[in-house]
């Protein structure tokens, strides 16, 4: 992917505005409960500090409606400070004179964290005035936020059009790994899709020509069964896709010749009448789900079948759990996928979101090739091969190279 890396950007003694993904899980009091996204950003931050940059950090947290103290970036700043062994100053604004003056007073090697970008309407609207105010804060822009690079927000899409920009180390790793998986995979290439959200059907459509097999579980399998006219009892699926237009789109995928040849659906399911711990369960064939019962995991026959396929794969992509893995009774299918990927000697890539949470829960994240920091961004990249936030960085590199060529022509 032809965007500039940090080493290619003039950063020394400059003010650098870094877009991070610090949208970490919080408890009810706003305390951080898991900090892997913060840890992932540290190499980029340390690189900038080593080059004596003034480092200004910005991120979103949650989906606030206006100012929400529980979603302030203050606690995130404190955690970064402890990890880097240096002060991280915090300001409760993102733009304006107070921010400008604070940055002006900074010394090279110091860090300032801005307030939650989504406290300000201009962020999600990509408001030109908000973009301009952000651009006035710095000399250089760095995208270290793969997880939101599919959003055309001010900090992701508008800002890099106004400042020289590069991708951080995590962004580079994400893009290189996903490109390797999609453009030059070793075969057999097996994709595992699950979860409830039916947006993975768009991914499936684009994956079919490239993969050897697709294993489908979770609510996605129930949606497909429903569209095939089968009884799924009370099973949960993405009913937003049950409109006439959506059903037409989905049926086009299901009726595709490659779907019939490559897609494998569950043979059996673990069902219960309630989705909670310590309830009676039973394994039933996929076509024998009774009214009042819901599929909450793939069954034992399906687990064995899926496992035998994954053991032979040279490339595995996983997006979405096989069941309600948060409850032990319904975690076996998802755990099987995680263990199979951890045991594989091939390229193993886990999408963010629930799949990332699952492999972390099973303590297997360090045994796969890559765990993406993006859920929706991961699916978008797999479907379309790039993201809007990455495209603007690519455009800057191309413009820079064109400018350099013109300057050389003028000299000679």
Protein backbone atom coordinates (compact mmCIF):
# COMPACT_ATOMS: atom_id res chain seq x y z
CA UNK A 1 0.00 0.00 0.00
CA UNK A 2 1.77 3.17 -1.19
CA UNK A 3 1.48 5.51 1.77
CA UNK A 4 4.46 7.01 3.56
CA UNK A 5 5.93 5.35 6.64
CA UNK A 6 7.06 7.30 9.68
CA UNK A 7 10.71 7.01 8.65
CA UNK A 8 9.93 8.76 5.35
CA UNK A 9 8.28 11.79 6.95
CA UNK A 10 10.04 14.94 8.13
CA UNK A 11 9.17 14.73 11.83
CA UNK A 12 12.25 15.91 13.72
CA UNK A 13 11.41 18.85 15.98
CA UNK A 14 7.97 19.15 14.35
CA UNK A 15 4.53 19.16 15.97
CA UNK A 16 2.89 15.86 15.07
CA UNK A 17 -0.85 15.24 15.35
CA UNK A 18 -1.40 11.50 15.87
CA UNK A 19 -4.81 9.91 15.33
CA UNK A 20 -4.93 6.87 17.64
CA UNK A 21 -7.56 4.26 18.40
CA UNK A 22 -7.76 4.45 22.20
CA UNK A 23 -11.39 3.39 22.34
CA UNK A 24 -10.69 0.96 25.18
CA UNK A 25 -13.26 -0.91 27.31
CA UNK A 26 -14.34 0.94 30.46
CA UNK A 27 -16.24 -0.06 33.58
CA UNK A 28 -19.20 1.89 34.95
CA UNK A 29 -16.88 4.36 36.69
CA UNK A 30 -14.90 5.02 33.52
CA UNK A 31 -11.86 2.94 34.54
CA UNK A 32 -9.94 1.09 31.81
CA UNK A 33 -10.52 -2.67 31.91
CA UNK A 34 -8.34 -3.73 28.94
CA UNK A 35 -5.49 -1.75 27.37
CA UNK A 36 -4.18 -3.72 24.36
CA UNK A 37 -4.95 -0.82 22.00
CA UNK A 38 -2.88 1.54 24.12
CA UNK A 39 0.01 -0.94 24.19
CA UNK A 40 -0.17 -1.34 20.41
CA UNK A 41 0.30 2.42 19.91
CA UNK A 42 3.46 2.69 22.06
CA UNK A 43 6.10 1.90 19.38
CA UNK A 44 4.81 4.71 17.17
CA UNK A 45 4.70 7.15 20.07
CA UNK A 46 8.20 6.21 21.18
CA UNK A 47 9.52 6.69 17.64
CA UNK A 48 8.08 10.20 17.52
CA UNK A 49 9.53 11.05 20.93
CA UNK A 50 12.93 9.71 19.91
CA UNK A 51 12.86 12.16 17.00
CA UNK A 52 12.18 15.08 19.35
CA UNK A 53 8.69 15.77 18.06
CA UNK A 54 5.98 17.57 19.98
CA UNK A 55 3.39 14.77 20.09
CA UNK A 56 -0.29 15.71 20.14
CA UNK A 57 -2.65 12.75 20.52
CA UNK A 58 -6.28 12.53 19.50
CA UNK A 59 -8.78 9.70 19.69
CA UNK A 60 -12.46 8.88 20.01
CA UNK A 61 -14.02 6.94 22.86
CA UNK A 62 -17.43 5.34 22.67
CA UNK A 63 -20.43 6.98 21.06
CA UNK A 64 -21.16 9.95 23.31
CA UNK A 65 -24.09 12.29 22.86
CA UNK A 66 -22.42 15.52 23.79
CA UNK A 67 -20.00 15.78 26.72
CA UNK A 68 -19.90 12.61 28.83
CA UNK A 69 -17.34 12.65 31.68
CA UNK A 70 -17.18 8.82 31.69
CA UNK A 71 -15.90 8.93 28.11
CA UNK A 72 -13.25 11.56 28.70
CA UNK A 73 -9.73 10.73 27.52
CA UNK A 74 -8.27 11.76 30.90
CA UNK A 75 -7.80 8.20 32.26
CA UNK A 76 -6.32 7.03 28.96
CA UNK A 77 -3.71 9.77 29.26
CA UNK A 78 -2.79 8.58 32.74
CA UNK A 79 -2.34 5.01 31.47
CA UNK A 80 -0.10 6.15 28.57
CA UNK A 81 1.92 8.22 31.03
CA UNK A 82 2.61 5.17 33.22
CA UNK A 83 3.59 3.07 30.21
CA UNK A 84 5.96 5.64 28.69
CA UNK A 85 7.36 6.80 32.03
CA UNK A 86 6.73 10.43 31.17
CA UNK A 87 4.02 13.01 31.71
CA UNK A 88 1.08 13.13 29.31
CA UNK A 89 -0.67 16.46 29.60
CA UNK A 90 -4.43 16.55 29.05
CA UNK A 91 -6.69 19.31 27.81
CA UNK A 92 -10.49 19.22 27.75
CA UNK A 93 -10.72 20.64 24.24
CA UNK A 94 -9.72 19.55 20.73
CA UNK A 95 -9.42 22.89 18.96
CA UNK A 96 -9.22 26.60 19.77
CA UNK A 97 -6.81 29.12 21.24
CA UNK A 98 -6.30 27.28 24.54
CA UNK A 99 -5.14 24.20 22.64
CA UNK A 100 -2.89 26.27 20.38
CA UNK A 101 -1.26 28.03 23.30
CA UNK A 102 -0.72 24.76 25.17
CA UNK A 103 0.99 23.25 22.13
CA UNK A 104 3.08 26.37 21.60
CA UNK A 105 4.40 26.06 25.18
CA UNK A 106 5.38 22.39 24.71
CA UNK A 107 8.99 21.32 24.33
CA UNK A 108 10.25 18.64 21.92
CA UNK A 109 9.63 15.20 23.40
CA UNK A 110 6.50 16.23 25.30
CA UNK A 111 3.01 14.77 24.86
CA UNK A 112 -0.45 16.34 24.92
CA UNK A 113 -3.68 14.36 24.75
CA UNK A 114 -6.77 16.12 23.40
CA UNK A 115 -10.30 15.47 24.62
CA UNK A 116 -12.59 12.86 23.02
CA UNK A 117 -13.06 13.87 19.38
CA UNK A 118 -16.66 12.70 19.37
CA UNK A 119 -17.59 15.26 22.02
CA UNK A 120 -17.54 17.66 19.06
CA UNK A 121 -20.11 17.44 16.24
CA UNK A 122 -17.59 18.43 13.61
CA UNK A 123 -15.73 15.12 13.93
CA UNK A 124 -18.35 12.72 12.60
CA UNK A 125 -19.69 15.29 10.14
CA UNK A 126 -16.21 15.90 8.70
CA UNK A 127 -17.02 19.59 9.08
CA UNK A 128 -14.55 21.69 7.03
CA UNK A 129 -14.19 24.29 9.77
CA UNK A 130 -13.40 21.64 12.40
CA UNK A 131 -10.90 20.03 10.01
CA UNK A 132 -9.23 23.40 9.46
CA UNK A 133 -8.99 24.04 13.21
CA UNK A 134 -7.37 20.63 13.77
CA UNK A 135 -4.89 21.23 10.94
CA UNK A 136 -3.82 24.51 12.52
CA UNK A 137 -2.48 22.60 15.54
CA UNK A 138 0.38 20.75 13.86
CA UNK A 139 2.92 20.41 11.06
CA UNK A 140 2.46 16.71 10.36
CA UNK A 141 -0.30 14.07 10.61
CA UNK A 142 0.06 10.38 11.52
CA UNK A 143 -2.71 7.79 11.16
CA UNK A 144 -2.30 5.05 13.77
CA UNK A 145 -5.97 4.15 13.77
CA UNK A 146 -6.80 1.32 11.38
CA UNK A 147 -10.00 0.59 13.30
CA UNK A 148 -11.73 3.80 12.17
CA UNK A 149 -10.03 4.25 8.80
CA UNK A 150 -13.26 3.19 7.06
CA UNK A 151 -15.02 6.29 8.47
CA UNK A 152 -14.91 9.58 6.56
CA UNK A 153 -14.61 11.58 9.77
CA UNK A 154 -12.71 14.84 10.21
CA UNK A 155 -9.68 13.35 11.96
CA UNK A 156 -9.49 10.38 9.58
CA UNK A 157 -10.41 11.75 6.18
CA UNK A 158 -10.51 15.53 6.15
CA UNK A 159 -7.36 16.27 8.15
CA UNK A 160 -4.82 14.30 6.06
CA UNK A 161 -5.91 16.31 3.04
CA UNK A 162 -4.47 19.42 4.71
CA UNK A 163 -1.30 18.11 6.39
CA UNK A 164 1.66 15.98 5.26
CA UNK A 165 0.78 12.50 6.46
CA UNK A 166 2.09 8.99 7.09
CA UNK A 167 0.91 5.72 8.58
CA UNK A 168 2.06 4.50 11.98
CA UNK A 169 3.69 1.13 12.63
CA UNK A 170 0.39 -0.59 13.51
CA UNK A 171 -1.35 0.74 10.41
CA UNK A 172 1.51 -0.53 8.24
CA UNK A 173 1.36 -3.98 9.84
CA UNK A 174 -2.41 -4.19 9.41
CA UNK A 175 -2.29 -3.23 5.74
CA UNK A 176 0.69 -5.41 4.84
CA UNK A 177 -0.77 -8.46 6.60
CA UNK A 178 -4.21 -8.10 5.04
CA UNK A 179 -2.74 -7.47 1.60
CA UNK A 180 -0.62 -10.61 1.92
CA UNK A 181 -3.68 -12.60 2.93
CA UNK A 182 -5.92 -11.30 0.14
CA UNK A 183 -3.46 -10.82 -2.73
CA UNK A 184 -1.05 -13.71 -2.32
CA UNK A 185 -2.54 -16.36 -0.04
CA UNK A 186 -1.21 -19.87 0.28
CA UNK A 187 -3.84 -22.52 -0.36
CA UNK A 188 -6.00 -24.00 0.96
CA UNK A 189 -7.36 -20.59 2.00
CA UNK A 190 -10.23 -20.98 4.48
CA UNK A 191 -12.44 -18.17 5.78
CA UNK A 192 -14.50 -18.54 8.97
CA UNK A 193 -17.48 -16.21 9.30
CA UNK A 194 -19.87 -15.93 12.22
CA UNK A 195 -21.53 -13.52 14.59
CA UNK A 196 -24.93 -11.95 14.16
CA UNK A 197 -24.27 -8.97 11.87
CA UNK A 198 -25.16 -9.74 8.27
CA UNK A 199 -22.73 -7.17 6.86
CA UNK A 200 -20.40 -10.15 6.50
CA UNK A 201 -22.51 -11.22 3.52
CA UNK A 202 -20.84 -8.45 1.52
CA UNK A 203 -17.49 -9.86 2.62
CA UNK A 204 -18.61 -13.34 1.63
CA UNK A 205 -19.52 -12.16 -1.87
CA UNK A 206 -16.01 -10.77 -2.39
CA UNK A 207 -14.27 -13.71 -0.72
CA UNK A 208 -15.88 -16.47 -2.76
CA UNK A 209 -13.63 -16.12 -5.85
CA UNK A 210 -10.48 -16.08 -3.68
CA UNK A 211 -10.97 -18.72 -1.01
CA UNK A 212 -11.17 -22.49 -1.17
CA UNK A 213 -13.79 -22.87 1.56
CA UNK A 214 -15.93 -20.72 3.85
CA UNK A 215 -17.12 -22.07 7.20
CA UNK A 216 -20.16 -20.25 8.56
CA UNK A 217 -21.62 -20.33 12.06
CA UNK A 218 -23.37 -18.06 14.54
CA UNK A 219 -26.34 -15.88 13.70
CA UNK A 220 -25.06 -15.56 10.14
CA UNK A 221 -25.72 -19.27 9.59
CA UNK A 222 -29.21 -18.85 11.03
CA UNK A 223 -29.94 -15.96 8.65
CA UNK A 224 -28.91 -18.09 5.68
CA UNK A 225 -31.05 -21.00 6.91
CA UNK A 226 -34.00 -18.63 7.31
CA UNK A 227 -33.54 -17.36 3.74
CA UNK A 228 -33.43 -20.97 2.56
CA UNK A 229 -36.88 -21.46 4.08
CA UNK A 230 -35.80 -23.54 7.07
CA UNK A 231 -37.13 -23.28 10.61
CA UNK A 232 -34.62 -21.64 12.96
CA UNK A 233 -36.90 -21.50 16.00
CA UNK A 234 -36.14 -18.48 18.18
CA UNK A 235 -32.55 -18.18 16.95
CA UNK A 236 -31.12 -14.68 16.73
CA UNK A 237 -30.05 -13.23 13.41
CA UNK A 238 -29.74 -9.80 11.80
CA UNK A 239 -33.41 -9.11 11.04
CA UNK A 240 -32.53 -5.69 9.64
CA UNK A 241 -31.54 -7.63 6.52
CA UNK A 242 -34.98 -9.19 6.15
CA UNK A 243 -36.42 -6.39 4.02
CA UNK A 244 -37.34 -7.24 0.45
CA UNK A 245 -34.35 -5.43 -1.06
CA UNK A 246 -31.89 -6.94 1.41
CA UNK A 247 -33.26 -10.43 0.93
CA UNK A 248 -32.79 -10.03 -2.80
CA UNK A 249 -29.14 -9.09 -2.28
CA UNK A 250 -28.55 -11.98 0.09
CA UNK A 251 -30.23 -14.51 -2.19
CA UNK A 252 -27.95 -13.42 -5.03
CA UNK A 253 -25.00 -14.43 -2.86
CA UNK A 254 -26.59 -17.70 -1.73
CA UNK A 255 -27.44 -18.67 -5.31
CA UNK A 256 -23.93 -17.92 -6.59
CA UNK A 257 -22.29 -21.10 -8.01
CA UNK A 258 -19.26 -20.64 -5.76
CA UNK A 259 -21.53 -20.50 -2.70
CA UNK A 260 -22.78 -24.00 -3.38
CA UNK A 261 -19.24 -25.33 -3.98
CA UNK A 262 -17.35 -23.54 -1.22
CA UNK A 263 -19.65 -22.60 1.69
CA UNK A 264 -20.13 -25.07 4.52
CA UNK A 265 -22.96 -24.47 6.99
CA UNK A 266 -23.43 -26.17 10.39
CA UNK A 267 -24.66 -29.76 10.43
CA UNK A 268 -25.89 -29.45 13.99
CA UNK A 269 -26.33 -26.83 16.71
CA UNK A 270 -26.37 -26.51 20.48
CA UNK A 271 -29.79 -25.14 21.38
CA UNK A 272 -31.47 -23.81 24.50
CA UNK A 273 -34.69 -21.99 25.35
CA UNK A 274 -32.85 -19.11 27.03
CA UNK A 275 -29.54 -17.40 26.37
CA UNK A 276 -28.03 -17.55 29.85
CA UNK A 277 -25.82 -19.75 32.02
CA UNK A 278 -26.88 -23.08 33.51
CA UNK A 279 -29.90 -23.72 31.30
CA UNK A 280 -30.80 -27.10 29.78
CA UNK A 281 -29.21 -27.58 26.34
CA UNK A 282 -29.20 -30.21 23.63
CA UNK A 283 -27.50 -30.88 20.31
CA UNK A 284 -29.86 -31.08 17.33
CA UNK A 285 -29.49 -31.30 13.57
CA UNK A 286 -29.61 -27.90 11.86
CA UNK A 287 -33.03 -28.70 10.34
CA UNK A 288 -34.53 -29.84 13.66
CA UNK A 289 -34.59 -26.61 15.68
CA UNK A 290 -37.98 -26.47 17.39
CA UNK A 291 -40.08 -23.39 18.04
CA UNK A 292 -39.08 -21.77 21.32
CA UNK A 293 -35.50 -23.04 21.05
CA UNK A 294 -32.55 -21.05 19.77
CA UNK A 295 -29.18 -22.05 18.32
CA UNK A 296 -26.43 -20.66 20.57
CA UNK A 297 -23.39 -22.57 19.27
CA UNK A 298 -22.39 -25.00 16.55
CA UNK A 299 -22.79 -28.65 17.51
CA UNK A 300 -20.21 -31.44 18.03
CA UNK A 301 -20.45 -32.86 14.48
CA UNK A 302 -19.93 -29.39 13.02
CA UNK A 303 -16.99 -28.72 15.34
CA UNK A 304 -15.23 -31.86 14.17
CA UNK A 305 -15.96 -31.15 10.51
CA UNK A 306 -14.76 -27.54 10.72
CA UNK A 307 -11.67 -28.61 12.70
CA UNK A 308 -10.65 -31.15 10.03
CA UNK A 309 -10.82 -28.44 7.35
CA UNK A 310 -8.89 -25.87 9.39
CA UNK A 311 -6.12 -28.38 10.15
CA UNK A 312 -5.32 -28.58 6.42
CA UNK A 313 -5.51 -24.83 5.73
CA UNK A 314 -2.44 -22.76 4.86
CA UNK A 315 -4.27 -19.44 5.24
CA UNK A 316 -7.12 -18.82 7.70
CA UNK A 317 -9.21 -15.68 8.08
CA UNK A 318 -11.69 -15.45 10.97
CA UNK A 319 -14.43 -12.86 11.45
CA UNK A 320 -17.20 -13.56 13.94
CA UNK A 321 -17.81 -16.12 16.73
CA UNK A 322 -19.56 -19.45 16.24
CA UNK A 323 -21.84 -18.87 19.22
CA UNK A 324 -22.35 -16.94 22.43
CA UNK A 325 -18.78 -17.52 23.59
CA UNK A 326 -19.19 -15.23 26.61
CA UNK A 327 -21.19 -18.07 28.23
CA UNK A 328 -19.12 -21.22 28.81
CA UNK A 329 -21.92 -23.57 27.72
CA UNK A 330 -21.94 -21.99 24.27
CA UNK A 331 -18.22 -21.28 23.80
CA UNK A 332 -16.98 -24.62 22.45
CA UNK A 333 -17.40 -23.81 18.75
CA UNK A 334 -15.63 -20.48 19.01
CA UNK A 335 -12.90 -22.01 21.19
CA UNK A 336 -12.35 -24.75 18.58
CA UNK A 337 -11.75 -22.12 15.86
CA UNK A 338 -9.34 -20.22 18.10
CA UNK A 339 -7.38 -23.39 19.00
CA UNK A 340 -7.23 -24.53 15.38
CA UNK A 341 -5.80 -21.18 14.33
CA UNK A 342 -3.31 -21.20 17.20
CA UNK A 343 -2.11 -24.66 16.14
CA UNK A 344 -1.82 -23.78 12.45
CA UNK A 345 1.59 -23.26 10.85
CA UNK A 346 0.05 -21.11 8.10
CA UNK A 347 -0.98 -17.45 7.97
CA UNK A 348 -3.72 -16.87 10.57
CA UNK A 349 -5.56 -13.54 10.72
CA UNK A 350 -8.29 -12.70 13.23
CA UNK A 351 -10.67 -9.82 12.60
CA UNK A 352 -11.23 -7.34 15.39
CA UNK A 353 -14.49 -6.95 17.27
CA UNK A 354 -15.90 -10.13 18.82
CA UNK A 355 -13.36 -12.45 17.19
CA UNK A 356 -10.53 -10.42 18.70
CA UNK A 357 -12.27 -10.46 22.08
CA UNK A 358 -12.73 -14.22 21.85
CA UNK A 359 -9.12 -15.09 21.05
CA UNK A 360 -8.00 -12.80 23.88
CA UNK A 361 -10.46 -14.50 26.24
CA UNK A 362 -8.98 -17.90 25.36
CA UNK A 363 -5.40 -16.54 25.84
CA UNK A 364 -4.40 -17.49 22.30
CA UNK A 365 -3.83 -14.08 20.71
CA UNK A 366 -0.05 -14.45 20.80
CA UNK A 367 -0.24 -17.72 18.86
CA UNK A 368 -1.79 -16.38 15.65
CA UNK A 369 -0.12 -14.30 12.95
CA UNK A 370 -2.22 -11.19 13.45
CA UNK A 371 -5.20 -9.93 15.44
CA UNK A 372 -6.67 -6.90 13.72
CA UNK A 373 -7.51 -3.77 15.70
CA UNK A 374 -10.53 -3.16 13.47
CA UNK A 375 -13.90 -4.86 13.27
CA UNK A 376 -15.83 -2.93 10.63
CA UNK A 377 -12.58 -1.63 9.12
CA UNK A 378 -11.26 -5.19 8.79
CA UNK A 379 -14.40 -6.30 6.94
CA UNK A 380 -14.33 -3.21 4.72
CA UNK A 381 -10.68 -3.77 3.80
CA UNK A 382 -11.25 -7.46 3.03
CA UNK A 383 -14.23 -6.53 0.85
CA UNK A 384 -12.77 -3.58 -1.06
CA UNK A 385 -8.98 -3.74 -0.68
CA UNK A 386 -8.55 -0.33 0.96
CA UNK A 387 -10.13 2.23 3.29
CA UNK A 388 -10.96 5.94 2.86
CA UNK A 389 -8.55 6.98 5.63
CA UNK A 390 -5.75 5.07 3.91
CA UNK A 391 -6.60 6.33 0.44
CA UNK A 392 -6.02 9.96 1.47
CA UNK A 393 -2.56 9.05 2.79
CA UNK A 394 -1.83 7.32 -0.50
CA UNK A 395 -2.93 10.43 -2.41
CA UNK A 396 -0.52 12.56 -0.35
CA UNK A 397 2.41 10.27 -1.19
CA UNK A 398 1.55 10.34 -4.89
CA UNK A 399 1.27 14.15 -4.84
CA UNK A 400 4.61 14.42 -2.99
CA UNK A 401 6.33 12.20 -5.53
CA UNK A 402 4.84 14.18 -8.41
CA UNK A 403 6.04 17.43 -6.83
CA UNK A 404 9.55 15.99 -6.43
CA UNK A 405 9.63 14.94 -10.08
CA UNK A 406 8.56 18.40 -11.19
CA UNK A 407 11.26 19.99 -9.05
CA UNK A 408 13.90 17.71 -10.53
CA UNK A 409 12.76 18.57 -14.04
CA UNK A 410 13.05 22.27 -13.19
CA UNK A 411 16.62 21.78 -11.89
CA UNK A 412 17.76 19.86 -14.93
